[in-house]
Protein backbone atom coordinates (compact mmCIF):
# COMPACT_ATOMS: atom_id res chain seq x y z
CA UNK A 1 80.22 92.59 112.28
CA UNK A 2 81.79 89.70 114.19
CA UNK A 3 84.20 90.27 117.03
CA UNK A 4 86.50 87.39 118.11
CA UNK A 5 84.34 84.54 116.57
CA UNK A 6 84.98 81.20 118.28
CA UNK A 7 83.01 78.08 117.84
CA UNK A 8 81.01 77.40 114.72
CA UNK A 9 78.19 74.94 113.93
CA UNK A 10 77.36 74.20 110.31
CA UNK A 11 74.12 72.53 109.55
CA UNK A 12 74.13 69.24 107.64
CA UNK A 13 72.82 70.95 104.43
CA UNK A 14 75.61 73.53 104.74
CA UNK A 15 73.06 76.19 104.18
CA UNK A 16 73.33 77.78 107.78
CA UNK A 17 76.29 78.58 110.09
CA UNK A 18 75.97 79.43 113.67
CA UNK A 19 78.84 81.56 115.11
CA UNK A 20 79.73 82.07 118.80
CA UNK A 21 80.49 85.74 118.49
CA UNK A 22 82.59 85.97 121.76
CA UNK A 23 83.54 89.62 121.60
CA UNK A 24 79.99 90.73 121.10
CA UNK A 25 78.53 88.02 123.58
CA UNK A 26 75.97 86.60 121.18
CA UNK A 27 75.32 83.80 118.93
CA UNK A 28 74.89 84.80 115.19
CA UNK A 29 73.02 82.68 112.60
CA UNK A 30 74.21 83.20 109.04
CA UNK A 31 72.35 81.71 106.10
CA UNK A 32 73.82 81.03 102.75
CA UNK A 33 74.10 84.27 100.61
CA UNK A 34 73.27 86.58 103.67
CA UNK A 35 75.09 89.90 103.90
CA UNK A 36 74.68 89.90 107.72
CA UNK A 37 73.87 87.53 110.63
CA UNK A 38 70.82 87.40 112.75
CA UNK A 39 71.13 87.32 116.64
CA UNK A 40 69.55 84.12 117.97
CA UNK A 41 70.93 84.22 121.47
CA UNK A 42 72.51 87.02 123.42
CA UNK A 43 71.76 90.79 123.15
CA UNK A 44 71.37 92.09 119.60
CA UNK A 45 73.53 95.22 120.51
CA UNK A 46 76.49 93.10 121.36
CA UNK A 47 76.89 93.93 125.11
CA UNK A 48 77.54 91.34 127.88
CA UNK A 49 74.45 90.14 129.70
CA UNK A 50 73.98 90.21 133.40
CA UNK A 51 71.17 87.72 133.70
CA UNK A 52 70.23 84.24 132.53
CA UNK A 53 68.71 85.48 129.36
CA UNK A 54 71.89 87.03 128.06
CA UNK A 55 75.40 85.77 127.20
CA UNK A 56 78.92 86.81 128.43
CA UNK A 57 81.80 85.72 126.08
CA UNK A 58 80.26 82.53 124.45
CA UNK A 59 82.94 80.16 123.09
CA UNK A 60 80.96 77.36 121.29
CA UNK A 61 77.61 76.62 119.80
CA UNK A 62 75.65 73.46 118.80
CA UNK A 63 72.07 73.20 117.27
CA UNK A 64 69.69 70.30 117.59
CA UNK A 65 68.56 70.45 113.94
CA UNK A 66 65.40 68.44 114.77
CA UNK A 67 64.10 70.83 117.34
CA UNK A 68 66.03 74.02 116.45
CA UNK A 69 67.32 74.28 120.10
CA UNK A 70 70.50 76.27 120.32
CA UNK A 71 73.12 75.00 122.94
CA UNK A 72 75.75 77.52 123.94
CA UNK A 73 78.96 77.17 126.03
CA UNK A 74 79.20 80.56 127.57
CA UNK A 75 82.38 81.54 129.64
CA UNK A 76 80.83 83.82 132.29
């Protein structure tokens, strides 16, 4: 379940959408036809992170489709 979704990135094919799920402090990847997203950055349980490996209120996301690197604008 998304909580305050902010930025979106849609792949060129339109098959995948990445969502900056701000209220859950994570990035979710949704593929066409999926009933739920997959956490690709941040903590799966939706809590704020306290170190470099977790997120705290991300507001935007971009993906380099050639390398699959996910770039995140994180508020805190």
